[in-house]
């Protein structure tokens, strides 16, 4: 019987980091709450790599950034209003300002 903890199937670490950088850049232009959620999920995924595949320093940074993106996602989801509200003006949240 296998007693090792189950690890999710992980993509190539370089591809995941490249995808994260692309999504973060895109988010800085659009400010989309759904994109913020995808960024959070990918940051969480980075934390599951073995230390040989992802340096502990980067995993710790991913954990910190995941918390910050969670706060940002919550804030912009609230700003978007409830379904059925009158459409609001599109608002962009540049990452350079929203993550500090």
PDB file of N, CA and C in Angstrom:
ATOM      1  N   UNK A   1       0.846  -1.178   0.000  1.00  0.00           N
ATOM      2  CA  UNK A   1       0.000   0.000   0.000  1.00  0.00           C
ATOM      3  C   UNK A   1       0.892   1.243   0.000  1.00  0.00           C
ATOM      4  N   UNK A   2       0.557   2.207  -0.835  1.00  0.00           N
ATOM      5  CA  UNK A   2       1.336   3.442  -0.961  1.00  0.00           C
ATOM      6  C   UNK A   2       0.882   4.429   0.107  1.00  0.00           C
ATOM      7  N   UNK A   3       1.803   4.825   1.000  1.00  0.00           N
ATOM      8  CA  UNK A   3       1.441   5.770   2.068  1.00  0.00           C
ATOM      9  C   UNK A   3       2.012   7.154   1.817  1.00  0.00           C
ATOM     10  N   UNK A   4       2.665   7.347   0.672  1.00  0.00           N
ATOM     11  CA  UNK A   4       3.225   8.666   0.352  1.00  0.00           C
ATOM     12  C   UNK A   4       2.086   9.651   0.108  1.00  0.00           C
ATOM     13  N   UNK A   5       2.269  10.912   0.536  1.00  0.00           N
ATOM     14  CA  UNK A   5       1.215  11.902   0.315  1.00  0.00           C
ATOM     15  C   UNK A   5       0.991  12.114  -1.176  1.00  0.00           C
ATOM     16  N   UNK A   6      -0.268  12.271  -1.556  1.00  0.00           N
ATOM     17  CA  UNK A   6      -0.622  12.493  -2.962  1.00  0.00           C
ATOM     18  C   UNK A   6      -0.223  13.899  -3.376  1.00  0.00           C
ATOM     19  N   UNK A   7       0.502  13.998  -4.462  1.00  0.00           N
ATOM     20  CA  UNK A   7       0.884  15.302  -5.017  1.00  0.00           C
ATOM     21  C   UNK A   7       0.142  15.478  -6.329  1.00  0.00           C
ATOM     22  N   UNK A   8      -0.367  16.676  -6.553  1.00  0.00           N
ATOM     23  CA  UNK A   8      -1.043  16.903  -7.828  1.00  0.00           C
ATOM     24  C   UNK A   8      -0.055  16.787  -8.985  1.00  0.00           C
ATOM     25  N   UNK A   9      -0.570  16.440 -10.163  1.00  0.00           N
ATOM     26  CA  UNK A   9       0.270  16.418 -11.362  1.00  0.00           C
ATOM     27  C   UNK A   9       0.683  17.848 -11.655  1.00  0.00           C
ATOM     28  N   UNK A  10       1.955  18.118 -11.614  1.00  0.00           N
ATOM     29  CA  UNK A  10       2.452  19.485 -11.746  1.00  0.00           C
ATOM     30  C   UNK A  10       3.021  19.732 -13.137  1.00  0.00           C
ATOM     31  N   UNK A  11       2.739  20.907 -13.703  1.00  0.00           N
ATOM     32  CA  UNK A  11       3.335  21.249 -14.997  1.00  0.00           C
ATOM     33  C   UNK A  11       4.816  21.576 -14.828  1.00  0.00           C
ATOM     34  N   UNK A  12       5.504  21.710 -15.928  1.00  0.00           N
ATOM     35  CA  UNK A  12       6.904  22.116 -15.905  1.00  0.00           C
ATOM     36  C   UNK A  12       7.017  23.437 -15.141  1.00  0.00           C
ATOM     37  N   UNK A  13       7.924  23.548 -14.154  1.00  0.00           N
ATOM     38  CA  UNK A  13       8.015  24.768 -13.347  1.00  0.00           C
ATOM     39  C   UNK A  13       8.279  26.027 -14.174  1.00  0.00           C
ATOM     40  N   UNK A  14       9.121  25.916 -15.186  1.00  0.00           N
ATOM     41  CA  UNK A  14       9.404  27.092 -16.022  1.00  0.00           C
ATOM     42  C   UNK A  14       8.161  27.548 -16.769  1.00  0.00           C
ATOM     43  N   UNK A  15       7.378  26.598 -17.253  1.00  0.00           N
ATOM     44  CA  UNK A  15       6.142  26.945 -17.963  1.00  0.00           C
ATOM     45  C   UNK A  15       5.151  27.617 -17.021  1.00  0.00           C
ATOM     46  N   UNK A  16       5.073  27.133 -15.782  1.00  0.00           N
ATOM     47  CA  UNK A  16       4.150  27.728 -14.816  1.00  0.00           C
ATOM     48  C   UNK A  16       4.566  29.154 -14.472  1.00  0.00           C
ATOM     49  N   UNK A  17       5.851  29.383 -14.260  1.00  0.00           N
ATOM     50  CA  UNK A  17       6.334  30.737 -13.962  1.00  0.00           C
ATOM     51  C   UNK A  17       6.083  31.652 -15.159  1.00  0.00           C
ATOM     52  N   UNK A  18       6.323  31.158 -16.369  1.00  0.00           N
ATOM     53  CA  UNK A  18       6.066  31.960 -17.569  1.00  0.00           C
ATOM     54  C   UNK A  18       4.581  32.305 -17.681  1.00  0.00           C
ATOM     55  N   UNK A  19       3.714  31.343 -17.392  1.00  0.00           N
ATOM     56  CA  UNK A  19       2.269  31.598 -17.436  1.00  0.00           C
ATOM     57  C   UNK A  19       1.872  32.635 -16.393  1.00  0.00           C
ATOM     58  N   UNK A  20       2.435  32.524 -15.199  1.00  0.00           N
ATOM     59  CA  UNK A  20       2.134  33.498 -14.148  1.00  0.00           C
ATOM     60  C   UNK A  20       2.548  34.903 -14.551  1.00  0.00           C
ATOM     61  N   UNK A  21       3.730  35.047 -15.105  1.00  0.00           N
ATOM     62  CA  UNK A  21       4.193  36.372 -15.530  1.00  0.00           C
ATOM     63  C   UNK A  21       3.290  36.942 -16.619  1.00  0.00           C
ATOM     64  N   UNK A  22       2.861  36.097 -17.533  1.00  0.00           N
ATOM     65  CA  UNK A  22       1.954  36.539 -18.591  1.00  0.00           C
ATOM     66  C   UNK A  22       0.618  36.984 -18.012  1.00  0.00           C
ATOM     67  N   UNK A  23       0.059  36.176 -17.102  1.00  0.00           N
ATOM     68  CA  UNK A  23      -1.238  36.530 -16.509  1.00  0.00           C
ATOM     69  C   UNK A  23      -1.144  37.801 -15.673  1.00  0.00           C
ATOM     70  N   UNK A  24      -0.057  37.960 -14.924  1.00  0.00           N
ATOM     71  CA  UNK A  24       0.098  39.164 -14.102  1.00  0.00           C
ATOM     72  C   UNK A  24       0.215  40.408 -14.983  1.00  0.00           C
ATOM     73  N   UNK A  25       0.923  40.278 -16.090  1.00  0.00           N
ATOM     74  CA  UNK A  25       1.030  41.399 -17.022  1.00  0.00           C
ATOM     75  C   UNK A  25      -0.335  41.720 -17.610  1.00  0.00           C
ATOM     76  N   UNK A  26      -1.077  40.699 -17.998  1.00  0.00           N
ATOM     77  CA  UNK A  26      -2.418  40.895 -18.555  1.00  0.00           C
ATOM     78  C   UNK A  26      -3.338  41.529 -17.518  1.00  0.00           C
ATOM     79  N   UNK A  27      -3.227  41.077 -16.273  1.00  0.00           N
ATOM     80  CA  UNK A  27      -4.061  41.627 -15.209  1.00  0.00           C
ATOM     81  C   UNK A  27      -3.803  43.115 -15.039  1.00  0.00           C
ATOM     82  N   UNK A  28      -2.555  43.540 -15.186  1.00  0.00           N
ATOM     83  CA  UNK A  28      -2.239  44.960 -15.008  1.00  0.00           C
ATOM     84  C   UNK A  28      -2.966  45.816 -16.036  1.00  0.00           C
ATOM     85  N   UNK A  29      -3.341  45.226 -17.156  1.00  0.00           N
ATOM     86  CA  UNK A  29      -4.089  45.957 -18.191  1.00  0.00           C
ATOM     87  C   UNK A  29      -5.597  45.868 -17.988  1.00  0.00           C
ATOM     88  N   UNK A  30      -6.095  44.749 -17.466  1.00  0.00           N
ATOM     89  CA  UNK A  30      -7.535  44.487 -17.431  1.00  0.00           C
ATOM     90  C   UNK A  30      -8.175  44.590 -16.051  1.00  0.00           C
ATOM     91  N   UNK A  31      -7.475  44.175 -15.000  1.00  0.00           N
ATOM     92  CA  UNK A  31      -8.043  44.184 -13.654  1.00  0.00           C
ATOM     93  C   UNK A  31      -9.197  43.216 -13.473  1.00  0.00           C
ATOM     94  N   UNK A  32      -9.152  42.075 -14.135  1.00  0.00           N
ATOM     95  CA  UNK A  32     -10.249  41.102 -14.127  1.00  0.00           C
ATOM     96  C   UNK A  32     -10.207  40.223 -12.870  1.00  0.00           C
ATOM     97  N   UNK A  33     -11.317  40.151 -12.093  1.00  0.00           N
ATOM     98  CA  UNK A  33     -11.338  39.299 -10.898  1.00  0.00           C
ATOM     99  C   UNK A  33     -11.099  37.817 -11.210  1.00  0.00           C
ATOM    100  N   UNK A  34     -11.601  37.334 -12.338  1.00  0.00           N
ATOM    101  CA  UNK A  34     -11.399  35.923 -12.692  1.00  0.00           C
ATOM    102  C   UNK A  34      -9.927  35.642 -12.975  1.00  0.00           C
ATOM    103  N   UNK A  35      -9.263  36.567 -13.618  1.00  0.00           N
ATOM    104  CA  UNK A  35      -7.834  36.413 -13.884  1.00  0.00           C
ATOM    105  C   UNK A  35      -7.050  36.436 -12.572  1.00  0.00           C
ATOM    106  N   UNK A  36      -7.466  37.273 -11.639  1.00  0.00           N
ATOM    107  CA  UNK A  36      -6.826  37.301 -10.314  1.00  0.00           C
ATOM    108  C   UNK A  36      -6.963  35.939  -9.638  1.00  0.00           C
ATOM    109  N   UNK A  37      -8.107  35.294  -9.795  1.00  0.00           N
ATOM    110  CA  UNK A  37      -8.314  33.958  -9.234  1.00  0.00           C
ATOM    111  C   UNK A  37      -7.392  32.922  -9.856  1.00  0.00           C
ATOM    112  N   UNK A  38      -7.199  33.013 -11.158  1.00  0.00           N
ATOM    113  CA  UNK A  38      -6.281  32.081 -11.835  1.00  0.00           C
ATOM    114  C   UNK A  38      -4.846  32.295 -11.359  1.00  0.00           C
ATOM    115  N   UNK A  39      -4.491  33.542 -11.171  1.00  0.00           N
ATOM    116  CA  UNK A  39      -3.144  33.853 -10.673  1.00  0.00           C
ATOM    117  C   UNK A  39      -2.962  33.254  -9.282  1.00  0.00           C
ATOM    118  N   UNK A  40      -3.959  33.417  -8.436  1.00  0.00           N
ATOM    119  CA  UNK A  40      -3.901  32.827  -7.081  1.00  0.00           C
ATOM    120  C   UNK A  40      -3.707  31.321  -7.148  1.00  0.00           C
ATOM    121  N   UNK A  41      -4.476  30.647  -8.003  1.00  0.00           N
ATOM    122  CA  UNK A  41      -4.373  29.185  -8.105  1.00  0.00           C
ATOM    123  C   UNK A  41      -2.983  28.759  -8.577  1.00  0.00           C
ATOM    124  N   UNK A  42      -2.426  29.485  -9.533  1.00  0.00           N
ATOM    125  CA  UNK A  42      -1.086  29.130 -10.004  1.00  0.00           C
ATOM    126  C   UNK A  42      -0.020  29.408  -8.948  1.00  0.00           C
ATOM    127  N   UNK A  43      -0.190  30.475  -8.178  1.00  0.00           N
ATOM    128  CA  UNK A  43       0.741  30.736  -7.076  1.00  0.00           C
ATOM    129  C   UNK A  43       0.660  29.621  -6.036  1.00  0.00           C
ATOM    130  N   UNK A  44      -0.548  29.122  -5.779  1.00  0.00           N
ATOM    131  CA  UNK A  44      -0.710  28.006  -4.842  1.00  0.00           C
ATOM    132  C   UNK A  44      -0.030  26.753  -5.393  1.00  0.00           C
ATOM    133  N   UNK A  45      -0.153  26.538  -6.690  1.00  0.00           N
ATOM    134  CA  UNK A  45       0.453  25.369  -7.318  1.00  0.00           C
ATOM    135  C   UNK A  45       1.975  25.389  -7.201  1.00  0.00           C
ATOM    136  N   UNK A  46       2.574  26.565  -7.297  1.00  0.00           N
ATOM    137  CA  UNK A  46       4.034  26.680  -7.174  1.00  0.00           C
ATOM    138  C   UNK A  46       4.537  26.122  -5.846  1.00  0.00           C
ATOM    139  N   UNK A  47       3.718  26.193  -4.827  1.00  0.00           N
ATOM    140  CA  UNK A  47       4.131  25.775  -3.491  1.00  0.00           C
ATOM    141  C   UNK A  47       4.204  24.255  -3.342  1.00  0.00           C
ATOM    142  N   UNK A  48       3.686  23.504  -4.314  1.00  0.00           N
ATOM    143  CA  UNK A  48       3.656  22.042  -4.232  1.00  0.00           C
ATOM    144  C   UNK A  48       4.887  21.365  -4.838  1.00  0.00           C
ATOM    145  N   UNK A  49       5.756  22.129  -5.468  1.00  0.00           N
ATOM    146  CA  UNK A  49       6.936  21.532  -6.091  1.00  0.00           C
ATOM    147  C   UNK A  49       7.949  21.104  -5.041  1.00  0.00           C
ATOM    148  N   UNK A  50       8.696  20.066  -5.377  1.00  0.00           N
ATOM    149  CA  UNK A  50       9.814  19.643  -4.525  1.00  0.00           C
ATOM    150  C   UNK A  50      10.881  20.740  -4.555  1.00  0.00           C
ATOM    151  N   UNK A  51      11.667  20.814  -3.504  1.00  0.00           N
ATOM    152  CA  UNK A  51      12.705  21.845  -3.412  1.00  0.00           C
ATOM    153  C   UNK A  51      13.716  21.759  -4.560  1.00  0.00           C
ATOM    154  N   UNK A  52      13.901  20.572  -5.123  1.00  0.00           N
ATOM    155  CA  UNK A  52      14.819  20.425  -6.257  1.00  0.00           C
ATOM    156  C   UNK A  52      14.275  21.098  -7.518  1.00  0.00           C
ATOM    157  N   UNK A  53      12.951  21.186  -7.621  1.00  0.00           N
ATOM    158  CA  UNK A  53      12.314  21.768  -8.806  1.00  0.00           C
ATOM    159  C   UNK A  53      11.972  23.246  -8.638  1.00  0.00           C
ATOM    160  N   UNK A  54      11.756  23.665  -7.406  1.00  0.00           N
ATOM    161  CA  UNK A  54      11.375  25.054  -7.130  1.00  0.00           C
ATOM    162  C   UNK A  54      12.073  25.468  -5.838  1.00  0.00           C
ATOM    163  N   UNK A  55      12.987  26.430  -5.903  1.00  0.00           N
ATOM    164  CA  UNK A  55      13.722  26.833  -4.699  1.00  0.00           C
ATOM    165  C   UNK A  55      12.772  27.270  -3.572  1.00  0.00           C
ATOM    166  N   UNK A  56      13.101  26.908  -2.327  1.00  0.00           N
ATOM    167  CA  UNK A  56      12.249  27.278  -1.191  1.00  0.00           C
ATOM    168  C   UNK A  56      11.959  28.777  -1.114  1.00  0.00           C
ATOM    169  N   UNK A  57      12.918  29.605  -1.495  1.00  0.00           N
ATOM    170  CA  UNK A  57      12.694  31.047  -1.478  1.00  0.00           C
ATOM    171  C   UNK A  57      11.547  31.437  -2.413  1.00  0.00           C
ATOM    172  N   UNK A  58      11.497  30.842  -3.598  1.00  0.00           N
ATOM    173  CA  UNK A  58      10.404  31.132  -4.531  1.00  0.00           C
ATOM    174  C   UNK A  58       9.075  30.579  -4.024  1.00  0.00           C
ATOM    175  N   UNK A  59       9.108  29.422  -3.372  1.00  0.00           N
ATOM    176  CA  UNK A  59       7.868  28.868  -2.816  1.00  0.00           C
ATOM    177  C   UNK A  59       7.339  29.763  -1.694  1.00  0.00           C
ATOM    178  N   UNK A  60       8.234  30.296  -0.869  1.00  0.00           N
ATOM    179  CA  UNK A  60       7.813  31.215   0.199  1.00  0.00           C
ATOM    180  C   UNK A  60       7.246  32.502  -0.395  1.00  0.00           C
ATOM    181  N   UNK A  61       7.876  33.005  -1.448  1.00  0.00           N
ATOM    182  CA  UNK A  61       7.360  34.198  -2.119  1.00  0.00           C
ATOM    183  C   UNK A  61       5.990  33.921  -2.730  1.00  0.00           C
ATOM    184  N   UNK A  62       5.822  32.758  -3.332  1.00  0.00           N
ATOM    185  CA  UNK A  62       4.526  32.397  -3.912  1.00  0.00           C
ATOM    186  C   UNK A  62       3.443  32.358  -2.835  1.00  0.00           C
ATOM    187  N   UNK A  63       3.772  31.867  -1.650  1.00  0.00           N
ATOM    188  CA  UNK A  63       2.804  31.824  -0.552  1.00  0.00           C
ATOM    189  C   UNK A  63       2.397  33.237  -0.136  1.00  0.00           C
ATOM    190  N   UNK A  64       3.370  34.129  -0.021  1.00  0.00           N
ATOM    191  CA  UNK A  64       3.080  35.521   0.346  1.00  0.00           C
ATOM    192  C   UNK A  64       2.229  36.191  -0.732  1.00  0.00           C
ATOM    193  N   UNK A  65       2.628  36.009  -1.985  1.00  0.00           N
ATOM    194  CA  UNK A  65       1.883  36.627  -3.083  1.00  0.00           C
ATOM    195  C   UNK A  65       0.472  36.057  -3.209  1.00  0.00           C
ATOM    196  N   UNK A  66       0.312  34.778  -2.921  1.00  0.00           N
ATOM    197  CA  UNK A  66      -1.030  34.183  -2.976  1.00  0.00           C
ATOM    198  C   UNK A  66      -1.968  34.895  -2.003  1.00  0.00           C
ATOM    199  N   UNK A  67      -1.481  35.188  -0.802  1.00  0.00           N
ATOM    200  CA  UNK A  67      -2.315  35.919   0.177  1.00  0.00           C
ATOM    201  C   UNK A  67      -2.651  37.319  -0.334  1.00  0.00           C
ATOM    202  N   UNK A  68      -1.666  38.000  -0.929  1.00  0.00           N
ATOM    203  CA  UNK A  68      -1.911  39.349  -1.444  1.00  0.00           C
ATOM    204  C   UNK A  68      -2.900  39.332  -2.606  1.00  0.00           C
ATOM    205  N   UNK A  69      -2.777  38.349  -3.484  1.00  0.00           N
ATOM    206  CA  UNK A  69      -3.712  38.249  -4.603  1.00  0.00           C
ATOM    207  C   UNK A  69      -5.111  37.874  -4.113  1.00  0.00           C
ATOM    208  N   UNK A  70      -5.206  37.116  -3.031  1.00  0.00           N
ATOM    209  CA  UNK A  70      -6.519  36.796  -2.457  1.00  0.00           C
ATOM    210  C   UNK A  70      -7.207  38.072  -1.987  1.00  0.00           C
ATOM    211  N   UNK A  71      -6.463  38.936  -1.316  1.00  0.00           N
ATOM    212  CA  UNK A  71      -7.030  40.212  -0.858  1.00  0.00           C
ATOM    213  C   UNK A  71      -7.439  41.076  -2.039  1.00  0.00           C
ATOM    214  N   UNK A  72      -6.591  41.125  -3.048  1.00  0.00           N
ATOM    215  CA  UNK A  72      -6.898  41.919  -4.234  1.00  0.00           C
ATOM    216  C   UNK A  72      -8.131  41.378  -4.946  1.00  0.00           C
ATOM    217  N   UNK A  73      -8.208  40.068  -5.101  1.00  0.00           N
ATOM    218  CA  UNK A  73      -9.363  39.469  -5.768  1.00  0.00           C
ATOM    219  C   UNK A  73     -10.644  39.780  -5.005  1.00  0.00           C
ATOM    220  N   UNK A  74     -10.603  39.674  -3.697  1.00  0.00           N
ATOM    221  CA  UNK A  74     -11.777  39.986  -2.881  1.00  0.00           C
ATOM    222  C   UNK A  74     -12.175  41.445  -3.061  1.00  0.00           C
ATOM    223  N   UNK A  75     -11.201  42.339  -3.042  1.00  0.00           N
ATOM    224  CA  UNK A  75     -11.485  43.774  -3.167  1.00  0.00           C
ATOM    225  C   UNK A  75     -12.102  44.115  -4.515  1.00  0.00           C
ATOM    226  N   UNK A  76     -11.562  43.559  -5.596  1.00  0.00           N
ATOM    227  CA  UNK A  76     -12.114  43.917  -6.903  1.00  0.00           C
ATOM    228  C   UNK A  76     -13.409  43.176  -7.194  1.00  0.00           C
ATOM    229  N   UNK A  77     -13.617  42.025  -6.564  1.00  0.00           N
ATOM    230  CA  UNK A  77     -14.897  41.330  -6.722  1.00  0.00           C
ATOM    231  C   UNK A  77     -15.998  42.130  -6.049  1.00  0.00           C
ATOM    232  N   UNK A  78     -15.710  42.697  -4.866  1.00  0.00           N
ATOM    233  CA  UNK A  78     -16.679  43.556  -4.179  1.00  0.00           C
ATOM    234  C   UNK A  78     -16.962  44.804  -4.994  1.00  0.00           C
ATOM    235  N   UNK A  79     -15.924  45.367  -5.599  1.00  0.00           N
ATOM    236  CA  UNK A  79     -16.079  46.590  -6.381  1.00  0.00           C
ATOM    237  C   UNK A  79     -16.920  46.348  -7.624  1.00  0.00           C
ATOM    238  N   UNK A  80     -16.935  45.108  -8.118  1.00  0.00           N
ATOM    239  CA  UNK A  80     -17.695  44.792  -9.320  1.00  0.00           C
ATOM    240  C   UNK A  80     -19.193  44.787  -9.051  1.00  0.00           C
ATOM    241  N   UNK A  81     -19.594  44.661  -7.786  1.00  0.00           N
ATOM    242  CA  UNK A  81     -21.014  44.678  -7.453  1.00  0.00           C
ATOM    243  C   UNK A  81     -21.652  43.308  -7.575  1.00  0.00           C
ATOM    244  N   UNK A  82     -22.914  43.250  -7.235  1.00  0.00           N
ATOM    245  CA  UNK A  82     -23.684  42.019  -7.277  1.00  0.00           C
ATOM    246  C   UNK A  82     -24.317  41.842  -8.650  1.00  0.00           C
ATOM    247  N   UNK A  83     -24.624  40.586  -9.039  1.00  0.00           N
ATOM    248  CA  UNK A  83     -25.321  40.375 -10.301  1.00  0.00           C
ATOM    249  C   UNK A  83     -26.653  41.124 -10.293  1.00  0.00           C
ATOM    250  N   UNK A  84     -26.965  41.740 -11.396  1.00  0.00           N
ATOM    251  CA  UNK A  84     -28.212  42.495 -11.485  1.00  0.00           C
ATOM    252  C   UNK A  84     -28.031  43.971 -11.221  1.00  0.00           C
ATOM    253  N   UNK A  85     -26.872  44.370 -10.675  1.00  0.00           N
ATOM    254  CA  UNK A  85     -26.603  45.788 -10.476  1.00  0.00           C
ATOM    255  C   UNK A  85     -26.444  46.451 -11.835  1.00  0.00           C
ATOM    256  N   UNK A  86     -26.602  47.747 -11.842  1.00  0.00           N
ATOM    257  CA  UNK A  86     -26.391  48.494 -13.081  1.00  0.00           C
ATOM    258  C   UNK A  86     -24.943  48.331 -13.510  1.00  0.00           C
ATOM    259  N   UNK A  87     -24.697  48.226 -14.819  1.00  0.00           N
ATOM    260  CA  UNK A  87     -23.309  48.078 -15.271  1.00  0.00           C
ATOM    261  C   UNK A  87     -22.457  49.255 -14.825  1.00  0.00           C
ATOM    262  N   UNK A  88     -21.283  48.954 -14.357  1.00  0.00           N
ATOM    263  CA  UNK A  88     -20.363  49.995 -13.897  1.00  0.00           C
ATOM    264  C   UNK A  88     -19.365  50.298 -15.000  1.00  0.00           C
ATOM    265  N   UNK A  89     -18.745  51.455 -14.866  1.00  0.00           N
ATOM    266  CA  UNK A  89     -17.673  51.808 -15.795  1.00  0.00           C
ATOM    267  C   UNK A  89     -16.552  50.783 -15.632  1.00  0.00           C
ATOM    268  N   UNK A  90     -15.951  50.320 -16.712  1.00  0.00           N
ATOM    269  CA  UNK A  90     -14.811  49.405 -16.562  1.00  0.00           C
ATOM    270  C   UNK A  90     -13.676  50.097 -15.812  1.00  0.00           C
ATOM    271  N   UNK A  91     -13.094  49.382 -14.877  1.00  0.00           N
ATOM    272  CA  UNK A  91     -12.015  49.940 -14.070  1.00  0.00           C
ATOM    273  C   UNK A  91     -10.813  49.018 -14.143  1.00  0.00           C
ATOM    274  N   UNK A  92      -9.668  49.571 -14.418  1.00  0.00           N
ATOM    275  CA  UNK A  92      -8.433  48.783 -14.434  1.00  0.00           C
ATOM    276  C   UNK A  92      -7.707  48.991 -13.119  1.00  0.00           C
ATOM    277  N   UNK A  93      -7.094  47.960 -12.638  1.00  0.00           N
ATOM    278  CA  UNK A  93      -6.318  48.006 -11.408  1.00  0.00           C
ATOM    279  C   UNK A  93      -4.891  47.617 -11.743  1.00  0.00           C
ATOM    280  N   UNK A  94      -4.028  48.570 -12.039  1.00  0.00           N
ATOM    281  CA  UNK A  94      -2.650  48.215 -12.387  1.00  0.00           C
ATOM    282  C   UNK A  94      -1.976  47.448 -11.261  1.00  0.00           C
ATOM    283  N   UNK A  95      -1.333  46.352 -11.612  1.00  0.00           N
ATOM    284  CA  UNK A  95      -0.668  45.524 -10.608  1.00  0.00           C
ATOM    285  C   UNK A  95       0.391  46.309  -9.854  1.00  0.00           C
ATOM    286  N   UNK A  96       1.024  47.251 -10.500  1.00  0.00           N
ATOM    287  CA  UNK A  96       2.076  48.014  -9.833  1.00  0.00           C
ATOM    288  C   UNK A  96       1.534  48.821  -8.665  1.00  0.00           C
ATOM    289  N   UNK A  97       0.254  49.175  -8.686  1.00  0.00           N
ATOM    290  CA  UNK A  97      -0.346  49.942  -7.596  1.00  0.00           C
ATOM    291  C   UNK A  97      -1.128  49.053  -6.641  1.00  0.00           C
ATOM    292  N   UNK A  98      -1.734  47.983  -7.139  1.00  0.00           N
ATOM    293  CA  UNK A  98      -2.645  47.209  -6.320  1.00  0.00           C
ATOM    294  C   UNK A  98      -1.959  46.179  -5.440  1.00  0.00           C
ATOM    295  N   UNK A  99      -0.701  45.855  -5.691  1.00  0.00           N
ATOM    296  CA  UNK A  99      -0.033  44.831  -4.895  1.00  0.00           C
ATOM    297  C   UNK A  99       0.935  45.404  -3.873  1.00  0.00           C
ATOM    298  N   UNK A 100       0.904  46.716  -3.661  1.00  0.00           N
ATOM    299  CA  UNK A 100       1.814  47.323  -2.680  1.00  0.00           C
ATOM    300  C   UNK A 100       1.073  47.642  -1.420  1.00  0.00           C
TER     301      UNK A 100
END
